[in-house]
Structures are given as C-alpha cells and as structure tokens.
C-alpha cells in the first residue's frame, strides 16, 4: 500500500512539474509576442518620423 501511495504521489508531482513547464513556456511565448509587438511599434514610429522628416 505504501508503494502505491508513493507511485501516485510521484505521478502527481510529475504532472505538476509538466504543468509548471507548460506555464513557463506559455509565459515565454507571451513575452515573445509582447517583444514582437514592441519592435513593430518602434519600426512604425521610426518610419513615421523618416517620412515626415
């Protein structure tokens, strides 16, 4: 019985770890999208300045 409990706990811990990795990956993806959006905004601002000037 103790072994079964250990296996179940280890499995739940493993699922939790996978969930955590997935969450980190998702945050990284959101950060990347924010970065791309920021670069696009900067470029559009630069283009606007150069066309005006």
N, C-alpha and C. Protein backbone atom coordinates (compact mmCIF):
# COMPACT_ATOMS: atom_id res chain seq x y z
N UNK A 1 0.84 -1.20 0.00
CA UNK A 1 0.00 0.00 0.00
C UNK A 1 0.87 1.25 0.00
N UNK A 2 1.95 1.22 0.75
CA UNK A 2 2.86 2.35 0.83
C UNK A 2 3.50 2.63 -0.52
N UNK A 3 3.83 1.57 -1.21
CA UNK A 3 4.44 1.71 -2.53
C UNK A 3 3.46 2.36 -3.51
N UNK A 4 2.21 1.95 -3.44
CA UNK A 4 1.19 2.53 -4.34
C UNK A 4 1.03 4.02 -4.07
N UNK A 5 1.00 4.38 -2.77
CA UNK A 5 0.90 5.80 -2.43
C UNK A 5 2.09 6.58 -2.97
N UNK A 6 3.26 6.02 -2.85
CA UNK A 6 4.48 6.67 -3.34
C UNK A 6 4.42 6.87 -4.84
N UNK A 7 3.96 5.82 -5.54
CA UNK A 7 3.87 5.92 -7.00
C UNK A 7 2.86 6.99 -7.41
N UNK A 8 1.72 7.01 -6.72
CA UNK A 8 0.68 8.01 -7.03
C UNK A 8 1.20 9.42 -6.77
N UNK A 9 1.86 9.59 -5.62
CA UNK A 9 2.41 10.92 -5.30
C UNK A 9 3.46 11.35 -6.31
N UNK A 10 4.31 10.42 -6.70
CA UNK A 10 5.33 10.75 -7.70
C UNK A 10 4.69 11.13 -9.03
N UNK A 11 3.64 10.42 -9.40
CA UNK A 11 2.96 10.71 -10.65
C UNK A 11 2.30 12.08 -10.61
N UNK A 12 1.65 12.40 -9.50
CA UNK A 12 1.03 13.72 -9.35
C UNK A 12 2.08 14.82 -9.37
N UNK A 13 3.20 14.56 -8.73
CA UNK A 13 4.29 15.52 -8.72
C UNK A 13 4.81 15.74 -10.14
N UNK A 14 4.90 14.65 -10.89
CA UNK A 14 5.36 14.74 -12.28
C UNK A 14 4.38 15.54 -13.13
N UNK A 15 3.09 15.31 -12.94
CA UNK A 15 2.08 16.08 -13.67
C UNK A 15 2.17 17.56 -13.31
N UNK A 16 2.38 17.85 -12.05
CA UNK A 16 2.52 19.22 -11.59
C UNK A 16 3.74 19.89 -12.24
N UNK A 17 4.81 19.12 -12.34
CA UNK A 17 6.03 19.63 -12.96
C UNK A 17 5.81 19.92 -14.44
N UNK A 18 5.12 19.01 -15.14
CA UNK A 18 4.81 19.24 -16.54
C UNK A 18 3.93 20.48 -16.72
N UNK A 19 2.98 20.63 -15.82
CA UNK A 19 2.10 21.80 -15.87
C UNK A 19 2.90 23.08 -15.67
N UNK A 20 3.87 23.03 -14.74
CA UNK A 20 4.72 24.18 -14.47
C UNK A 20 5.58 24.52 -15.69
N UNK A 21 6.14 23.50 -16.33
CA UNK A 21 6.93 23.74 -17.54
C UNK A 21 6.06 24.35 -18.64
N UNK A 22 4.86 23.84 -18.77
CA UNK A 22 3.93 24.36 -19.77
C UNK A 22 3.60 25.82 -19.49
N UNK A 23 3.43 26.15 -18.21
CA UNK A 23 3.14 27.52 -17.81
C UNK A 23 4.31 28.44 -18.13
N UNK A 24 5.52 27.98 -17.83
CA UNK A 24 6.71 28.78 -18.15
C UNK A 24 6.83 29.00 -19.65
N UNK A 25 6.54 27.96 -20.42
CA UNK A 25 6.60 28.05 -21.86
C UNK A 25 5.57 29.07 -22.37
N UNK A 26 4.39 29.06 -21.76
CA UNK A 26 3.33 29.99 -22.14
C UNK A 26 3.73 31.42 -21.81
N UNK A 27 4.31 31.63 -20.63
CA UNK A 27 4.78 32.97 -20.27
C UNK A 27 5.86 33.45 -21.24
N UNK A 28 6.75 32.54 -21.61
CA UNK A 28 7.81 32.87 -22.54
C UNK A 28 7.23 33.27 -23.89
N UNK A 29 6.20 32.55 -24.31
CA UNK A 29 5.54 32.85 -25.58
C UNK A 29 4.86 34.22 -25.54
N UNK A 30 4.17 34.50 -24.43
CA UNK A 30 3.53 35.82 -24.29
C UNK A 30 4.57 36.93 -24.30
N UNK A 31 5.70 36.70 -23.63
CA UNK A 31 6.78 37.67 -23.59
C UNK A 31 7.31 37.92 -25.00
N UNK A 32 7.44 36.84 -25.77
CA UNK A 32 7.93 36.94 -27.15
C UNK A 32 6.95 37.74 -28.01
N UNK A 33 5.66 37.49 -27.85
CA UNK A 33 4.66 38.25 -28.60
C UNK A 33 4.70 39.73 -28.24
N UNK A 34 4.86 40.02 -26.94
CA UNK A 34 4.97 41.41 -26.50
C UNK A 34 6.19 42.08 -27.12
N UNK A 35 7.29 41.34 -27.18
CA UNK A 35 8.52 41.86 -27.76
C UNK A 35 8.33 42.17 -29.24
N UNK A 36 7.70 41.24 -29.97
CA UNK A 36 7.45 41.46 -31.39
C UNK A 36 6.57 42.69 -31.61
N UNK A 37 5.55 42.82 -30.78
CA UNK A 37 4.64 43.96 -30.90
C UNK A 37 5.40 45.27 -30.63
N UNK A 38 6.26 45.24 -29.63
CA UNK A 38 7.06 46.42 -29.30
C UNK A 38 7.97 46.81 -30.46
N UNK A 39 8.63 45.82 -31.07
CA UNK A 39 9.51 46.08 -32.21
C UNK A 39 8.71 46.67 -33.38
N UNK A 40 7.53 46.10 -33.63
CA UNK A 40 6.70 46.62 -34.74
C UNK A 40 6.28 48.06 -34.49
N UNK A 41 5.93 48.37 -33.23
CA UNK A 41 5.55 49.75 -32.90
C UNK A 41 6.73 50.69 -33.09
N UNK A 42 7.91 50.26 -32.62
CA UNK A 42 9.10 51.10 -32.79
C UNK A 42 9.38 51.35 -34.27
N UNK A 43 9.28 50.30 -35.07
CA UNK A 43 9.56 50.45 -36.51
C UNK A 43 8.56 51.39 -37.16
N UNK A 44 7.28 51.26 -36.79
CA UNK A 44 6.28 52.13 -37.39
C UNK A 44 6.51 53.57 -36.98
N UNK A 45 6.94 53.78 -35.74
CA UNK A 45 7.26 55.14 -35.29
C UNK A 45 8.44 55.69 -36.06
N UNK A 46 9.47 54.87 -36.25
CA UNK A 46 10.64 55.30 -37.00
C UNK A 46 10.29 55.63 -38.45
N UNK A 47 9.43 54.79 -39.04
CA UNK A 47 9.00 55.04 -40.42
C UNK A 47 8.23 56.35 -40.49
N UNK A 48 7.37 56.59 -39.50
CA UNK A 48 6.61 57.83 -39.49
C UNK A 48 7.52 59.04 -39.39
N UNK A 49 8.55 58.93 -38.55
CA UNK A 49 9.49 60.05 -38.41
C UNK A 49 10.25 60.28 -39.70
N UNK A 50 10.69 59.20 -40.33
CA UNK A 50 11.51 59.38 -41.52
C UNK A 50 10.68 59.93 -42.69
N UNK A 51 9.40 59.54 -42.74
CA UNK A 51 8.57 60.05 -43.85
C UNK A 51 8.22 61.52 -43.63
N UNK A 52 8.08 61.90 -42.36
CA UNK A 52 7.80 63.31 -42.06
C UNK A 52 9.04 64.15 -42.33
N UNK A 53 10.19 63.66 -41.86
CA UNK A 53 11.42 64.42 -41.99
C UNK A 53 11.91 64.32 -43.41
